[in-house]
N, C-alpha and C. Protein backbone atom coordinates (compact mmCIF):
# COMPACT_ATOMS: atom_id res chain seq x y z
N MET A 1 -5.33 25.97 4.36
CA MET A 1 -4.25 25.03 4.59
C MET A 1 -4.00 24.70 6.05
N GLY A 2 -4.77 25.32 6.90
CA GLY A 2 -4.59 25.07 8.37
C GLY A 2 -4.79 23.63 8.77
N PHE A 3 -5.76 23.02 8.11
CA PHE A 3 -6.04 21.62 8.53
C PHE A 3 -4.93 20.69 8.11
N ILE A 4 -4.10 21.08 7.11
CA ILE A 4 -3.01 20.26 6.76
C ILE A 4 -1.89 20.39 7.80
N CYS A 5 -1.67 21.59 8.28
CA CYS A 5 -0.68 21.81 9.29
C CYS A 5 -1.04 21.06 10.57
N GLN A 6 -2.29 20.86 10.84
CA GLN A 6 -2.71 20.20 12.00
C GLN A 6 -2.50 18.66 11.95
N ARG A 7 -2.15 18.19 10.78
CA ARG A 7 -1.94 16.73 10.63
C ARG A 7 -0.57 16.47 9.98
N PRO A 8 0.52 16.72 10.77
CA PRO A 8 1.83 16.48 10.23
C PRO A 8 2.08 15.05 9.84
N GLY A 9 1.41 14.10 10.59
CA GLY A 9 1.56 12.74 10.23
C GLY A 9 1.06 12.34 8.88
N THR A 10 -0.09 12.96 8.51
CA THR A 10 -0.67 12.76 7.21
C THR A 10 0.24 13.33 6.15
N ALA A 11 0.82 14.54 6.45
CA ALA A 11 1.73 15.12 5.48
C ALA A 11 2.97 14.24 5.25
N LEU A 12 3.46 13.58 6.27
CA LEU A 12 4.64 12.70 6.10
C LEU A 12 4.27 11.49 5.33
N LEU A 13 3.06 10.97 5.56
CA LEU A 13 2.57 9.85 4.75
C LEU A 13 2.55 10.25 3.27
N GLY A 14 2.04 11.45 3.02
CA GLY A 14 1.97 11.94 1.70
C GLY A 14 3.33 12.05 1.04
N LEU A 15 4.30 12.59 1.72
CA LEU A 15 5.60 12.83 1.15
C LEU A 15 6.23 11.47 0.85
N ALA A 16 6.04 10.51 1.78
CA ALA A 16 6.67 9.14 1.54
C ALA A 16 6.01 8.51 0.33
N ALA A 17 4.66 8.71 0.20
CA ALA A 17 3.93 8.10 -0.95
C ALA A 17 4.44 8.73 -2.21
N VAL A 18 4.55 10.05 -2.27
CA VAL A 18 5.04 10.74 -3.46
C VAL A 18 6.46 10.27 -3.86
N ALA A 19 7.31 10.11 -2.89
CA ALA A 19 8.72 9.68 -3.13
C ALA A 19 8.72 8.28 -3.78
N VAL A 20 7.91 7.35 -3.30
CA VAL A 20 7.82 6.03 -3.86
C VAL A 20 7.28 6.05 -5.28
N CYS A 21 6.24 6.88 -5.44
CA CYS A 21 5.62 6.93 -6.77
C CYS A 21 6.53 7.55 -7.79
N VAL A 22 7.31 8.54 -7.41
CA VAL A 22 8.28 9.15 -8.37
C VAL A 22 9.31 8.08 -8.74
N GLY A 23 9.77 7.32 -7.76
CA GLY A 23 10.78 6.27 -8.01
C GLY A 23 10.17 5.21 -8.92
N SER A 24 8.87 5.02 -8.83
CA SER A 24 8.26 3.91 -9.64
C SER A 24 7.96 4.30 -11.06
N LEU A 25 8.08 5.58 -11.40
CA LEU A 25 7.84 6.01 -12.75
C LEU A 25 8.75 5.35 -13.77
N ALA A 26 9.94 4.93 -13.32
CA ALA A 26 10.85 4.28 -14.25
C ALA A 26 10.33 3.04 -14.87
N TYR A 27 9.37 2.40 -14.21
CA TYR A 27 8.82 1.15 -14.78
C TYR A 27 7.96 1.42 -16.00
N PHE A 28 7.41 2.58 -16.14
CA PHE A 28 6.58 2.88 -17.30
C PHE A 28 7.39 3.25 -18.53
N SER A 29 8.60 3.66 -18.37
CA SER A 29 9.45 3.98 -19.54
C SER A 29 10.44 2.87 -19.83
N ALA A 30 10.64 1.93 -18.91
CA ALA A 30 11.66 0.85 -19.14
C ALA A 30 11.08 -0.10 -20.21
N PRO A 31 12.02 -0.52 -21.08
CA PRO A 31 11.60 -1.57 -22.06
C PRO A 31 11.24 -2.87 -21.38
N VAL A 32 10.43 -3.70 -21.96
CA VAL A 32 10.07 -4.96 -21.39
C VAL A 32 11.28 -5.78 -21.06
N GLY A 33 11.38 -6.25 -19.86
CA GLY A 33 12.50 -7.07 -19.47
C GLY A 33 13.75 -6.25 -19.06
N ASP A 34 13.57 -4.91 -18.98
CA ASP A 34 14.72 -4.11 -18.60
C ASP A 34 14.29 -3.16 -17.41
N TYR A 35 13.97 -3.78 -16.32
CA TYR A 35 13.50 -3.09 -15.14
C TYR A 35 14.66 -2.58 -14.27
N PRO A 36 14.38 -1.72 -13.33
CA PRO A 36 15.45 -1.13 -12.46
C PRO A 36 16.34 -2.17 -11.79
N PHE A 37 15.73 -3.35 -11.46
CA PHE A 37 16.49 -4.38 -10.73
C PHE A 37 16.56 -5.62 -11.57
N ASP A 38 17.74 -6.23 -11.66
CA ASP A 38 17.94 -7.46 -12.44
C ASP A 38 17.01 -8.55 -11.94
N GLU A 39 16.84 -8.64 -10.60
CA GLU A 39 16.02 -9.68 -10.01
C GLU A 39 14.62 -9.67 -10.60
N GLN A 40 14.11 -8.50 -10.91
CA GLN A 40 12.75 -8.36 -11.45
C GLN A 40 12.73 -8.82 -12.92
N ASN A 41 13.77 -8.64 -13.61
CA ASN A 41 13.84 -9.09 -15.01
C ASN A 41 13.62 -10.59 -15.09
N ARG A 42 14.20 -11.34 -14.16
CA ARG A 42 14.05 -12.78 -14.16
C ARG A 42 12.68 -13.21 -13.58
N ALA A 43 12.28 -12.51 -12.57
CA ALA A 43 11.01 -12.92 -11.85
C ALA A 43 9.77 -12.69 -12.70
N TYR A 44 9.75 -11.56 -13.40
CA TYR A 44 8.50 -11.11 -14.01
C TYR A 44 8.55 -11.17 -15.54
N ALA A 45 9.41 -12.00 -16.08
CA ALA A 45 9.45 -12.21 -17.55
C ALA A 45 8.09 -12.64 -18.03
N GLY A 46 7.56 -11.95 -18.99
CA GLY A 46 6.26 -12.34 -19.60
C GLY A 46 5.04 -11.73 -18.86
N LEU A 47 5.31 -10.99 -17.84
CA LEU A 47 4.20 -10.39 -17.03
C LEU A 47 4.28 -8.88 -17.00
N HIS A 48 4.83 -8.30 -18.05
CA HIS A 48 5.00 -6.83 -18.10
C HIS A 48 3.70 -6.12 -17.87
N ASP A 49 2.67 -6.46 -18.59
CA ASP A 49 1.39 -5.75 -18.51
C ASP A 49 0.79 -5.80 -17.08
N VAL A 50 0.85 -7.01 -16.53
CA VAL A 50 0.31 -7.23 -15.15
C VAL A 50 1.15 -6.31 -14.18
N LEU A 51 2.44 -6.32 -14.30
CA LEU A 51 3.33 -5.58 -13.42
C LEU A 51 3.09 -4.04 -13.53
N VAL A 52 2.84 -3.59 -14.75
CA VAL A 52 2.62 -2.13 -14.97
C VAL A 52 1.24 -1.76 -14.33
N VAL A 53 0.24 -2.58 -14.56
CA VAL A 53 -1.06 -2.30 -14.00
C VAL A 53 -1.01 -2.29 -12.48
N HIS A 54 -0.30 -3.32 -11.97
CA HIS A 54 -0.10 -3.40 -10.50
C HIS A 54 0.49 -2.13 -9.92
N ILE A 55 1.57 -1.71 -10.59
CA ILE A 55 2.26 -0.48 -10.09
C ILE A 55 1.40 0.75 -10.22
N ALA A 56 0.72 0.92 -11.36
CA ALA A 56 -0.20 2.05 -11.61
C ALA A 56 -1.27 2.11 -10.60
N ALA A 57 -1.93 0.92 -10.36
CA ALA A 57 -3.04 0.91 -9.36
C ALA A 57 -2.52 1.14 -8.00
N GLY A 58 -1.35 0.63 -7.66
CA GLY A 58 -0.77 0.83 -6.34
C GLY A 58 -0.43 2.27 -6.13
N MET A 59 0.11 2.93 -7.14
CA MET A 59 0.45 4.32 -6.99
C MET A 59 -0.79 5.21 -6.74
N THR A 60 -1.84 4.91 -7.51
CA THR A 60 -3.10 5.58 -7.39
C THR A 60 -3.64 5.51 -5.95
N ALA A 61 -3.71 4.25 -5.43
CA ALA A 61 -4.20 4.02 -4.06
C ALA A 61 -3.27 4.72 -3.04
N LEU A 62 -2.00 4.60 -3.27
CA LEU A 62 -1.00 5.12 -2.32
C LEU A 62 -1.16 6.67 -2.22
N LEU A 63 -1.33 7.32 -3.27
CA LEU A 63 -1.50 8.79 -3.27
C LEU A 63 -2.91 9.20 -2.77
N ALA A 64 -3.89 8.36 -3.06
CA ALA A 64 -5.30 8.73 -2.64
C ALA A 64 -5.44 8.75 -1.11
N GLY A 65 -4.68 7.82 -0.44
CA GLY A 65 -4.88 7.73 0.99
C GLY A 65 -4.69 9.00 1.77
N PRO A 66 -3.49 9.66 1.71
CA PRO A 66 -3.28 10.89 2.47
C PRO A 66 -4.30 11.98 2.12
N VAL A 67 -4.58 12.07 0.78
CA VAL A 67 -5.56 13.08 0.34
C VAL A 67 -6.90 12.85 1.03
N GLN A 68 -7.28 11.58 1.05
CA GLN A 68 -8.59 11.19 1.69
C GLN A 68 -8.62 11.49 3.15
N LEU A 69 -7.46 11.33 3.86
CA LEU A 69 -7.41 11.59 5.30
C LEU A 69 -7.62 13.09 5.54
N LEU A 70 -7.19 13.91 4.63
CA LEU A 70 -7.35 15.34 4.79
C LEU A 70 -8.79 15.74 4.39
N VAL A 71 -9.26 15.21 3.26
CA VAL A 71 -10.57 15.59 2.79
C VAL A 71 -11.66 15.15 3.79
N CYS A 72 -11.57 14.00 4.41
CA CYS A 72 -12.60 13.53 5.26
C CYS A 72 -12.79 14.36 6.52
N MET A 73 -11.86 15.28 6.80
CA MET A 73 -11.99 16.24 7.92
C MET A 73 -12.90 17.41 7.57
N GLN A 74 -13.20 17.56 6.30
CA GLN A 74 -13.97 18.73 5.82
C GLN A 74 -15.39 18.26 5.41
N ALA A 75 -16.39 18.59 6.20
CA ALA A 75 -17.70 18.12 5.92
C ALA A 75 -18.24 18.61 4.55
N ARG A 76 -17.82 19.79 4.14
CA ARG A 76 -18.31 20.35 2.90
C ARG A 76 -17.72 19.61 1.69
N LEU A 77 -16.72 18.77 1.91
CA LEU A 77 -16.11 18.07 0.77
C LEU A 77 -16.53 16.60 0.66
N ARG A 78 -17.79 16.35 1.09
CA ARG A 78 -18.29 14.95 1.14
C ARG A 78 -18.30 14.34 -0.26
N ALA A 79 -18.69 15.04 -1.29
CA ALA A 79 -18.69 14.48 -2.59
C ALA A 79 -17.29 14.12 -3.05
N LEU A 80 -16.33 15.00 -2.75
CA LEU A 80 -14.93 14.68 -3.13
C LEU A 80 -14.47 13.44 -2.37
N HIS A 81 -14.80 13.40 -1.10
CA HIS A 81 -14.45 12.24 -0.25
C HIS A 81 -14.98 10.93 -0.88
N ARG A 82 -16.21 10.96 -1.38
CA ARG A 82 -16.77 9.78 -2.00
C ARG A 82 -16.03 9.43 -3.32
N LEU A 83 -15.71 10.44 -4.08
CA LEU A 83 -14.99 10.21 -5.36
C LEU A 83 -13.62 9.56 -5.12
N ILE A 84 -12.89 10.17 -4.13
CA ILE A 84 -11.56 9.63 -3.82
C ILE A 84 -11.66 8.25 -3.23
N GLY A 85 -12.71 8.00 -2.46
CA GLY A 85 -12.93 6.67 -1.89
C GLY A 85 -13.17 5.63 -2.91
N VAL A 86 -13.99 5.95 -3.90
CA VAL A 86 -14.24 5.03 -5.04
C VAL A 86 -12.96 4.76 -5.79
N THR A 87 -12.20 5.84 -6.05
CA THR A 87 -10.96 5.70 -6.76
C THR A 87 -9.97 4.78 -5.99
N PHE A 88 -9.87 5.02 -4.69
CA PHE A 88 -8.97 4.24 -3.87
C PHE A 88 -9.39 2.76 -3.92
N ALA A 89 -10.68 2.52 -3.68
CA ALA A 89 -11.15 1.12 -3.63
C ALA A 89 -10.94 0.35 -4.93
N GLY A 90 -11.22 1.03 -6.03
CA GLY A 90 -11.04 0.37 -7.39
C GLY A 90 -9.55 0.13 -7.57
N ALA A 91 -8.68 1.13 -7.24
CA ALA A 91 -7.23 0.90 -7.45
C ALA A 91 -6.72 -0.21 -6.56
N ALA A 92 -7.21 -0.24 -5.32
CA ALA A 92 -6.73 -1.24 -4.33
C ALA A 92 -7.12 -2.62 -4.79
N VAL A 93 -8.34 -2.83 -5.29
CA VAL A 93 -8.77 -4.14 -5.74
C VAL A 93 -7.95 -4.60 -6.93
N LEU A 94 -7.75 -3.66 -7.89
CA LEU A 94 -6.92 -3.98 -9.06
C LEU A 94 -5.50 -4.31 -8.69
N CYS A 95 -4.96 -3.54 -7.76
CA CYS A 95 -3.55 -3.77 -7.28
C CYS A 95 -3.48 -5.15 -6.60
N ALA A 96 -4.48 -5.51 -5.85
CA ALA A 96 -4.47 -6.81 -5.15
C ALA A 96 -4.55 -7.94 -6.12
N VAL A 97 -5.44 -7.84 -7.10
CA VAL A 97 -5.57 -8.92 -8.07
C VAL A 97 -4.27 -9.10 -8.89
N CYS A 98 -3.70 -8.06 -9.34
CA CYS A 98 -2.47 -8.17 -10.11
C CYS A 98 -1.35 -8.63 -9.17
N GLY A 99 -1.32 -8.18 -7.92
CA GLY A 99 -0.34 -8.64 -6.99
C GLY A 99 -0.41 -10.09 -6.71
N LEU A 100 -1.58 -10.63 -6.68
CA LEU A 100 -1.79 -12.05 -6.46
C LEU A 100 -1.19 -12.84 -7.62
N ILE A 101 -1.35 -12.37 -8.84
CA ILE A 101 -0.80 -12.99 -10.04
C ILE A 101 0.75 -12.96 -9.99
N LEU A 102 1.25 -11.75 -9.65
CA LEU A 102 2.67 -11.59 -9.57
C LEU A 102 3.34 -12.37 -8.46
N ALA A 103 2.62 -12.58 -7.40
CA ALA A 103 3.19 -13.29 -6.20
C ALA A 103 3.70 -14.63 -6.54
N GLY A 104 3.07 -15.32 -7.46
CA GLY A 104 3.48 -16.66 -7.88
C GLY A 104 4.79 -16.67 -8.59
N HIS A 105 5.33 -15.47 -8.97
CA HIS A 105 6.55 -15.38 -9.65
C HIS A 105 7.56 -14.49 -8.90
N ALA A 106 7.28 -14.26 -7.61
CA ALA A 106 8.05 -13.26 -6.89
C ALA A 106 9.50 -13.64 -6.70
N PHE A 107 10.37 -12.67 -6.75
CA PHE A 107 11.79 -12.84 -6.56
C PHE A 107 11.96 -13.37 -5.10
N GLY A 108 12.77 -14.35 -4.95
CA GLY A 108 13.06 -14.94 -3.60
C GLY A 108 12.35 -16.26 -3.37
N GLY A 109 11.58 -16.67 -4.30
CA GLY A 109 10.97 -18.01 -4.17
C GLY A 109 9.71 -18.10 -3.40
N GLU A 110 9.33 -19.26 -2.86
CA GLU A 110 8.02 -19.52 -2.28
C GLU A 110 7.74 -18.71 -0.99
N ALA A 111 8.76 -18.43 -0.21
CA ALA A 111 8.55 -17.70 1.01
C ALA A 111 8.08 -16.28 0.73
N ASN A 112 8.81 -15.62 -0.26
CA ASN A 112 8.42 -14.32 -0.61
C ASN A 112 7.05 -14.36 -1.36
N GLY A 113 6.87 -15.35 -2.16
CA GLY A 113 5.55 -15.46 -2.81
C GLY A 113 4.42 -15.61 -1.87
N ALA A 114 4.58 -16.37 -0.76
CA ALA A 114 3.62 -16.48 0.28
C ALA A 114 3.31 -15.17 0.97
N ALA A 115 4.39 -14.36 1.21
CA ALA A 115 4.21 -13.08 1.82
C ALA A 115 3.36 -12.16 0.98
N PHE A 116 3.72 -12.12 -0.33
CA PHE A 116 3.01 -11.21 -1.20
C PHE A 116 1.60 -11.70 -1.52
N SER A 117 1.41 -12.98 -1.54
CA SER A 117 0.04 -13.58 -1.72
C SER A 117 -0.85 -13.21 -0.52
N ALA A 118 -0.29 -13.35 0.68
CA ALA A 118 -1.07 -13.01 1.86
C ALA A 118 -1.38 -11.50 1.85
N LEU A 119 -0.42 -10.68 1.46
CA LEU A 119 -0.64 -9.26 1.36
C LEU A 119 -1.79 -8.92 0.38
N ALA A 120 -1.78 -9.53 -0.77
CA ALA A 120 -2.72 -9.24 -1.83
C ALA A 120 -4.16 -9.68 -1.31
N VAL A 121 -4.22 -10.89 -0.72
CA VAL A 121 -5.52 -11.38 -0.25
C VAL A 121 -6.10 -10.42 0.84
N LEU A 122 -5.28 -10.07 1.79
CA LEU A 122 -5.68 -9.15 2.89
C LEU A 122 -6.09 -7.80 2.36
N LEU A 123 -5.36 -7.29 1.39
CA LEU A 123 -5.72 -6.02 0.79
C LEU A 123 -7.09 -6.10 0.16
N LEU A 124 -7.36 -7.19 -0.55
CA LEU A 124 -8.71 -7.41 -1.19
C LEU A 124 -9.77 -7.48 -0.12
N VAL A 125 -9.51 -8.30 0.94
CA VAL A 125 -10.51 -8.48 1.97
C VAL A 125 -10.85 -7.14 2.74
N THR A 126 -9.78 -6.44 3.14
CA THR A 126 -9.97 -5.21 3.89
C THR A 126 -10.69 -4.15 3.05
N THR A 127 -10.35 -4.09 1.78
CA THR A 127 -11.00 -3.12 0.92
C THR A 127 -12.50 -3.44 0.74
N VAL A 128 -12.79 -4.69 0.44
CA VAL A 128 -14.17 -5.11 0.31
C VAL A 128 -14.94 -4.89 1.61
N MET A 129 -14.33 -5.18 2.70
CA MET A 129 -15.02 -5.00 4.00
C MET A 129 -15.28 -3.48 4.20
N GLY A 130 -14.33 -2.67 3.85
CA GLY A 130 -14.53 -1.19 4.01
C GLY A 130 -15.69 -0.70 3.13
N VAL A 131 -15.72 -1.12 1.92
CA VAL A 131 -16.82 -0.73 1.02
C VAL A 131 -18.17 -1.27 1.58
N GLY A 132 -18.15 -2.51 1.99
CA GLY A 132 -19.36 -3.12 2.52
C GLY A 132 -19.89 -2.33 3.72
N LYS A 133 -18.99 -1.89 4.62
CA LYS A 133 -19.42 -1.15 5.80
C LYS A 133 -20.15 0.13 5.49
N ILE A 134 -19.64 0.88 4.49
CA ILE A 134 -20.27 2.15 4.13
C ILE A 134 -21.60 1.87 3.41
N LEU A 135 -21.71 0.78 2.69
CA LEU A 135 -22.97 0.46 1.98
C LEU A 135 -24.08 0.17 3.02
N ILE A 136 -23.68 -0.35 4.22
CA ILE A 136 -24.75 -0.58 5.23
C ILE A 136 -24.79 0.53 6.26
N ARG A 137 -24.14 1.64 5.84
CA ARG A 137 -24.22 2.88 6.69
C ARG A 137 -23.56 2.66 8.07
N ASP A 138 -22.38 2.14 8.04
CA ASP A 138 -21.56 1.97 9.25
C ASP A 138 -20.28 2.75 9.07
N PRO A 139 -20.30 4.09 9.21
CA PRO A 139 -19.12 4.88 8.91
C PRO A 139 -17.96 4.55 9.83
N ALA A 140 -18.20 4.25 11.08
CA ALA A 140 -17.12 3.91 12.01
C ALA A 140 -16.41 2.62 11.50
N GLY A 141 -17.15 1.59 11.17
CA GLY A 141 -16.53 0.39 10.66
C GLY A 141 -15.86 0.58 9.38
N HIS A 142 -16.45 1.49 8.53
CA HIS A 142 -15.83 1.80 7.24
C HIS A 142 -14.45 2.41 7.40
N ARG A 143 -14.38 3.32 8.30
CA ARG A 143 -13.08 3.98 8.56
C ARG A 143 -12.00 3.02 9.04
N ILE A 144 -12.37 2.14 9.92
CA ILE A 144 -11.45 1.16 10.49
C ILE A 144 -10.90 0.24 9.40
N TRP A 145 -11.82 -0.25 8.52
CA TRP A 145 -11.41 -1.19 7.53
C TRP A 145 -10.58 -0.54 6.42
N MET A 146 -10.92 0.73 6.11
CA MET A 146 -10.17 1.42 5.10
C MET A 146 -8.77 1.81 5.64
N LEU A 147 -8.69 2.08 6.90
CA LEU A 147 -7.35 2.34 7.46
C LEU A 147 -6.48 1.08 7.38
N ARG A 148 -7.09 -0.06 7.59
CA ARG A 148 -6.33 -1.32 7.44
C ARG A 148 -5.91 -1.54 5.96
N ALA A 149 -6.82 -1.20 5.04
CA ALA A 149 -6.49 -1.31 3.65
C ALA A 149 -5.36 -0.44 3.24
N TYR A 150 -5.37 0.80 3.75
CA TYR A 150 -4.27 1.74 3.45
C TYR A 150 -2.96 1.31 4.03
N ALA A 151 -3.03 0.71 5.24
CA ALA A 151 -1.83 0.22 5.89
C ALA A 151 -1.13 -0.83 5.00
N LEU A 152 -1.97 -1.63 4.34
CA LEU A 152 -1.41 -2.66 3.45
C LEU A 152 -0.87 -2.02 2.17
N ILE A 153 -1.57 -1.02 1.67
CA ILE A 153 -1.06 -0.33 0.45
C ILE A 153 0.24 0.31 0.82
N PHE A 154 0.39 0.85 1.99
CA PHE A 154 1.56 1.62 2.40
C PHE A 154 2.78 0.68 2.49
N SER A 155 2.52 -0.61 2.45
CA SER A 155 3.67 -1.52 2.47
C SER A 155 4.63 -1.28 1.26
N ALA A 156 4.09 -0.63 0.20
CA ALA A 156 4.98 -0.28 -0.92
C ALA A 156 6.08 0.63 -0.39
N VAL A 157 5.78 1.47 0.54
CA VAL A 157 6.84 2.35 1.13
C VAL A 157 7.71 1.62 2.11
N THR A 158 7.07 0.88 3.05
CA THR A 158 7.87 0.24 4.08
C THR A 158 8.72 -0.95 3.54
N LEU A 159 8.28 -1.54 2.46
CA LEU A 159 9.11 -2.64 1.84
C LEU A 159 10.42 -2.04 1.37
N ARG A 160 10.42 -0.91 0.72
CA ARG A 160 11.58 -0.29 0.24
C ARG A 160 12.44 0.27 1.35
N ALA A 161 11.80 0.88 2.30
CA ALA A 161 12.52 1.47 3.47
C ALA A 161 13.21 0.40 4.31
N GLU A 162 12.46 -0.68 4.65
CA GLU A 162 13.04 -1.72 5.45
C GLU A 162 14.14 -2.48 4.73
N THR A 163 13.97 -2.74 3.41
CA THR A 163 15.05 -3.39 2.68
C THR A 163 16.31 -2.57 2.68
N ALA A 164 16.15 -1.29 2.46
CA ALA A 164 17.33 -0.34 2.48
C ALA A 164 18.03 -0.34 3.84
N VAL A 165 17.24 -0.32 4.93
CA VAL A 165 17.83 -0.31 6.28
C VAL A 165 18.55 -1.60 6.56
N LEU A 166 17.97 -2.74 6.16
CA LEU A 166 18.58 -4.03 6.44
C LEU A 166 19.86 -4.20 5.59
N VAL A 167 19.89 -3.64 4.41
CA VAL A 167 21.12 -3.77 3.58
C VAL A 167 22.21 -2.77 4.07
N ALA A 168 21.81 -1.52 4.22
CA ALA A 168 22.82 -0.52 4.57
C ALA A 168 23.17 -0.51 6.09
N GLY A 169 22.16 -0.76 6.90
CA GLY A 169 22.40 -0.67 8.35
C GLY A 169 22.89 -1.94 8.95
N PHE A 170 22.42 -3.07 8.44
CA PHE A 170 22.73 -4.40 9.02
C PHE A 170 23.62 -5.23 8.14
N GLN A 171 24.02 -4.69 7.01
CA GLN A 171 24.91 -5.36 6.07
C GLN A 171 24.42 -6.72 5.58
N LEU A 172 23.11 -6.84 5.45
CA LEU A 172 22.55 -8.06 4.91
C LEU A 172 22.61 -7.97 3.35
N ASP A 173 22.72 -9.18 2.73
CA ASP A 173 22.70 -9.16 1.27
C ASP A 173 21.29 -8.89 0.83
N PHE A 174 21.13 -8.41 -0.41
CA PHE A 174 19.78 -7.99 -0.86
C PHE A 174 18.72 -9.08 -0.81
N PRO A 175 19.00 -10.29 -1.26
CA PRO A 175 17.96 -11.35 -1.18
C PRO A 175 17.43 -11.59 0.29
N THR A 176 18.39 -11.64 1.20
CA THR A 176 17.99 -11.90 2.58
C THR A 176 17.17 -10.68 3.14
N ALA A 177 17.64 -9.50 2.90
CA ALA A 177 16.96 -8.32 3.36
C ALA A 177 15.52 -8.20 2.70
N TYR A 178 15.44 -8.50 1.49
CA TYR A 178 14.15 -8.42 0.77
C TYR A 178 13.17 -9.46 1.28
N GLY A 179 13.76 -10.62 1.56
CA GLY A 179 12.96 -11.72 2.06
C GLY A 179 12.32 -11.38 3.46
N ILE A 180 13.10 -10.73 4.28
CA ILE A 180 12.62 -10.34 5.60
C ILE A 180 11.51 -9.23 5.47
N ALA A 181 11.86 -8.22 4.65
CA ALA A 181 11.01 -7.13 4.47
C ALA A 181 9.67 -7.48 3.78
N ALA A 182 9.71 -8.56 2.98
CA ALA A 182 8.47 -9.00 2.26
C ALA A 182 7.39 -9.31 3.29
N TRP A 183 7.78 -9.76 4.46
CA TRP A 183 6.82 -10.06 5.59
C TRP A 183 6.66 -8.86 6.50
N THR A 184 7.71 -8.31 6.96
CA THR A 184 7.57 -7.23 7.94
C THR A 184 7.00 -5.93 7.41
N CYS A 185 7.06 -5.68 6.13
CA CYS A 185 6.60 -4.42 5.56
C CYS A 185 5.12 -4.27 5.75
N TRP A 186 4.34 -5.38 5.69
CA TRP A 186 2.92 -5.25 5.85
C TRP A 186 2.43 -5.73 7.23
N VAL A 187 3.12 -6.72 7.79
CA VAL A 187 2.72 -7.16 9.15
C VAL A 187 2.93 -5.99 10.15
N GLY A 188 4.08 -5.33 10.08
CA GLY A 188 4.34 -4.21 10.92
C GLY A 188 3.34 -3.09 10.76
N ASN A 189 2.98 -2.79 9.50
CA ASN A 189 2.02 -1.76 9.26
C ASN A 189 0.63 -2.08 9.91
N LEU A 190 0.25 -3.35 9.79
CA LEU A 190 -1.04 -3.76 10.46
C LEU A 190 -0.98 -3.68 11.94
N VAL A 191 0.17 -4.08 12.55
CA VAL A 191 0.28 -3.98 14.01
C VAL A 191 0.16 -2.57 14.46
N VAL A 192 0.86 -1.65 13.82
CA VAL A 192 0.74 -0.23 14.21
C VAL A 192 -0.65 0.31 13.99
N THR A 193 -1.27 -0.07 12.92
CA THR A 193 -2.63 0.41 12.64
C THR A 193 -3.63 -0.10 13.69
N GLU A 194 -3.52 -1.42 14.07
CA GLU A 194 -4.39 -1.97 15.06
C GLU A 194 -4.19 -1.25 16.38
N TRP A 195 -2.93 -0.97 16.73
CA TRP A 195 -2.65 -0.22 17.97
C TRP A 195 -3.28 1.15 17.94
N LEU A 196 -3.21 1.87 16.85
CA LEU A 196 -3.81 3.16 16.71
C LEU A 196 -5.35 3.11 16.82
N ILE A 197 -5.94 2.08 16.20
CA ILE A 197 -7.38 1.86 16.26
C ILE A 197 -7.82 1.63 17.74
N LEU A 198 -7.09 0.76 18.41
CA LEU A 198 -7.40 0.46 19.85
C LEU A 198 -7.18 1.67 20.71
N ALA A 199 -6.10 2.41 20.47
CA ALA A 199 -5.82 3.59 21.29
C ALA A 199 -6.87 4.68 21.07
N ARG A 200 -7.34 4.85 19.87
CA ARG A 200 -8.38 5.78 19.58
C ARG A 200 -9.70 5.45 20.23
N GLY A 201 -10.01 4.11 20.21
CA GLY A 201 -11.24 3.63 20.85
C GLY A 201 -11.11 3.79 22.35
N ALA A 202 -9.98 3.57 22.93
CA ALA A 202 -9.79 3.77 24.36
C ALA A 202 -10.00 5.22 24.79
N ARG A 203 -9.51 6.13 23.99
CA ARG A 203 -9.64 7.58 24.34
C ARG A 203 -11.12 7.98 24.29
N ARG A 204 -11.88 7.36 23.35
CA ARG A 204 -13.24 7.73 23.23
C ARG A 204 -14.17 7.10 24.26
N SER A 205 -13.73 6.01 24.88
CA SER A 205 -14.58 5.29 25.81
C SER A 205 -14.47 5.92 27.22
């Protein structure tokens, strides 16, 4: 367990991922059209199966990320690293495809739909690029692209956190807060990730 203690940031990512996944379990037991938020009942009418697959795939990818970050530090766990990587990539692609379908019906109208469409497309592109890099035996490029993919997956966490902060801390109404977070939840994640990638490269040079 020592390597886990050495990576408190990864542990925090994992805890946040678990919290969101636990909260998302309600969607699997909710009757069709009776989701946790009334806004979703109107937005996703007739898309129950797509929504459930999107959530399940997103949960899988969200949980796989922190585990993969820990596993990749252990050379003897290379086979497990590969298995988790394949699972993450498959889940991310499925999440992106379903997300693109749902984006056309997103709560908040065209602006939110554009945000989630961009998120889905970028998730698909970064995941495919990450897989492509490892297929041509470029592990450094693979790590960079998969970090970007996970940053986009982690928007499931930051979307909820930022919406809550904007509503509770800044007294914004839910539609306004959600509309802002629809963009900042993934743009902010990418900015932080790119900064970390550049900082890591600078330390190595």
